[in-house]
Amino acid sequence: MKYQQPIYICAICGKQHRNIEDRIKRETACFAQHQADEEKRKQKELKVQKHKEIENAYQKYITLVHEYVSKYDEPPVMNYHCKLNDKETRLIREIMESVI
């Protein structure tokens, strides 16, 4: 009977290795990649969720502006009490101009 060298299998990806050290290295790398992939997936889900929240708030905002304009025949005057950077201010102005 011929002696067979044991085969060590990565518990994450299933790749076979001839020694335990290579399997441990592989599992460490696979686990790190798995964690990175999971974090990317979570960040993507949060981005999609935040986009939906913004979209809903934007639709509500448009409805309110249209109601205001139809009632008072003028656009609402917006007094921003929070500090906005130039990019945010420009985006808000673009939104206001597109709604009215």
Protein backbone atom coordinates (compact mmCIF):
# COMPACT_ATOMS: atom_id res chain seq x y z
CA MET A 1 0.00 0.00 0.00
CA LYS A 2 1.37 3.33 -1.08
CA TYR A 3 1.38 6.18 1.46
CA GLN A 4 -0.74 9.11 0.38
CA GLN A 5 0.26 12.54 1.46
CA PRO A 6 -2.64 14.26 3.23
CA ILE A 7 -4.47 16.96 1.33
CA TYR A 8 -5.46 20.10 3.16
CA ILE A 9 -8.49 21.95 1.83
CA CYS A 10 -9.22 25.64 2.32
CA ALA A 11 -12.46 25.86 4.31
CA ILE A 12 -13.51 29.00 2.43
CA CYS A 13 -12.77 28.41 -1.24
CA GLY A 14 -12.12 24.66 -1.31
CA LYS A 15 -8.67 24.86 -2.92
CA GLN A 16 -6.46 21.87 -2.10
CA HIS A 17 -2.96 22.20 -0.61
CA ARG A 18 -0.23 19.69 0.14
CA ASN A 19 0.75 21.18 3.49
CA ILE A 20 -1.01 22.86 6.36
CA GLU A 21 1.02 26.07 6.13
CA ASP A 22 -0.18 26.75 2.58
CA ARG A 23 -3.77 26.02 3.63
CA ILE A 24 -3.51 28.47 6.54
CA LYS A 25 -2.08 31.16 4.24
CA ARG A 26 -4.87 30.51 1.75
CA GLU A 27 -7.60 30.65 4.39
CA THR A 28 -6.18 33.88 5.79
CA ALA A 29 -6.17 35.46 2.33
CA CYS A 30 -9.64 34.11 1.50
CA PHE A 31 -11.04 35.37 4.81
CA ALA A 32 -9.57 38.84 4.25
CA GLN A 33 -11.05 38.92 0.73
CA HIS A 34 -14.40 37.68 2.05
CA GLN A 35 -14.47 40.45 4.65
CA ALA A 36 -13.55 43.07 2.05
CA ASP A 37 -16.27 41.81 -0.31
CA GLU A 38 -18.83 41.81 2.51
CA GLU A 39 -17.92 45.39 3.44
CA LYS A 40 -18.26 46.50 -0.21
CA ARG A 41 -21.66 44.80 -0.40
CA LYS A 42 -22.84 46.52 2.78
CA GLN A 43 -21.61 49.90 1.55
CA LYS A 44 -23.41 49.38 -1.76
CA GLU A 45 -26.66 48.49 0.06
CA LEU A 46 -26.33 51.59 2.26
CA LYS A 47 -25.72 53.75 -0.81
CA VAL A 48 -28.83 52.36 -2.53
CA GLN A 49 -30.91 52.87 0.62
CA LYS A 50 -29.66 56.44 1.06
CA HIS A 51 -30.38 57.16 -2.61
CA LYS A 52 -33.96 55.95 -2.15
CA GLU A 53 -34.37 58.18 0.93
CA ILE A 54 -33.06 61.18 -0.99
CA GLU A 55 -35.28 60.38 -3.97
CA ASN A 56 -38.35 60.22 -1.72
CA ALA A 57 -37.42 63.47 0.02
CA TYR A 58 -36.82 65.11 -3.36
CA GLN A 59 -40.22 64.02 -4.66
CA LYS A 60 -41.87 65.39 -1.53
CA TYR A 61 -39.91 68.63 -1.94
CA ILE A 62 -41.03 69.00 -5.57
CA THR A 63 -44.65 68.44 -4.54
CA LEU A 64 -44.40 71.09 -1.82
CA VAL A 65 -42.78 73.61 -4.17
CA HIS A 66 -45.46 73.02 -6.82
CA GLU A 67 -48.18 73.49 -4.22
CA TYR A 68 -46.54 76.69 -3.01
CA VAL A 69 -46.12 78.08 -6.53
CA SER A 70 -49.70 77.22 -7.51
CA LYS A 71 -51.03 78.88 -4.37
CA TYR A 72 -48.86 82.02 -4.26
CA ASP A 73 -47.77 82.39 -7.92
CA GLU A 74 -44.13 82.84 -6.93
CA PRO A 75 -41.25 80.56 -6.01
CA PRO A 76 -40.51 80.08 -2.34
CA VAL A 77 -37.64 82.07 -0.90
CA MET A 78 -35.16 79.69 0.62
CA ASN A 79 -33.15 80.89 3.61
CA TYR A 80 -30.53 78.30 4.34
CA HIS A 81 -29.62 78.33 8.01
CA CYS A 82 -27.06 75.58 7.75
CA LYS A 83 -23.59 75.98 6.33
CA LEU A 84 -23.35 74.60 2.83
CA ASN A 85 -20.27 74.32 0.70
CA ASP A 86 -20.21 75.72 -2.84
CA LYS A 87 -21.06 72.37 -4.45
CA GLU A 88 -24.13 71.86 -2.22
CA THR A 89 -25.31 75.44 -2.79
CA ARG A 90 -24.94 75.02 -6.56
CA LEU A 91 -26.86 71.73 -6.50
CA ILE A 92 -29.72 73.26 -4.50
CA ARG A 93 -29.94 76.19 -6.92
CA GLU A 94 -30.04 73.78 -9.87
CA ILE A 95 -32.81 71.81 -8.21
CA MET A 96 -34.82 74.96 -7.50
CA GLU A 97 -34.44 76.14 -11.08
CA SER A 98 -35.50 72.76 -12.48
CA VAL A 99 -38.60 72.61 -10.29
CA ILE A 100 -39.89 76.09 -11.06
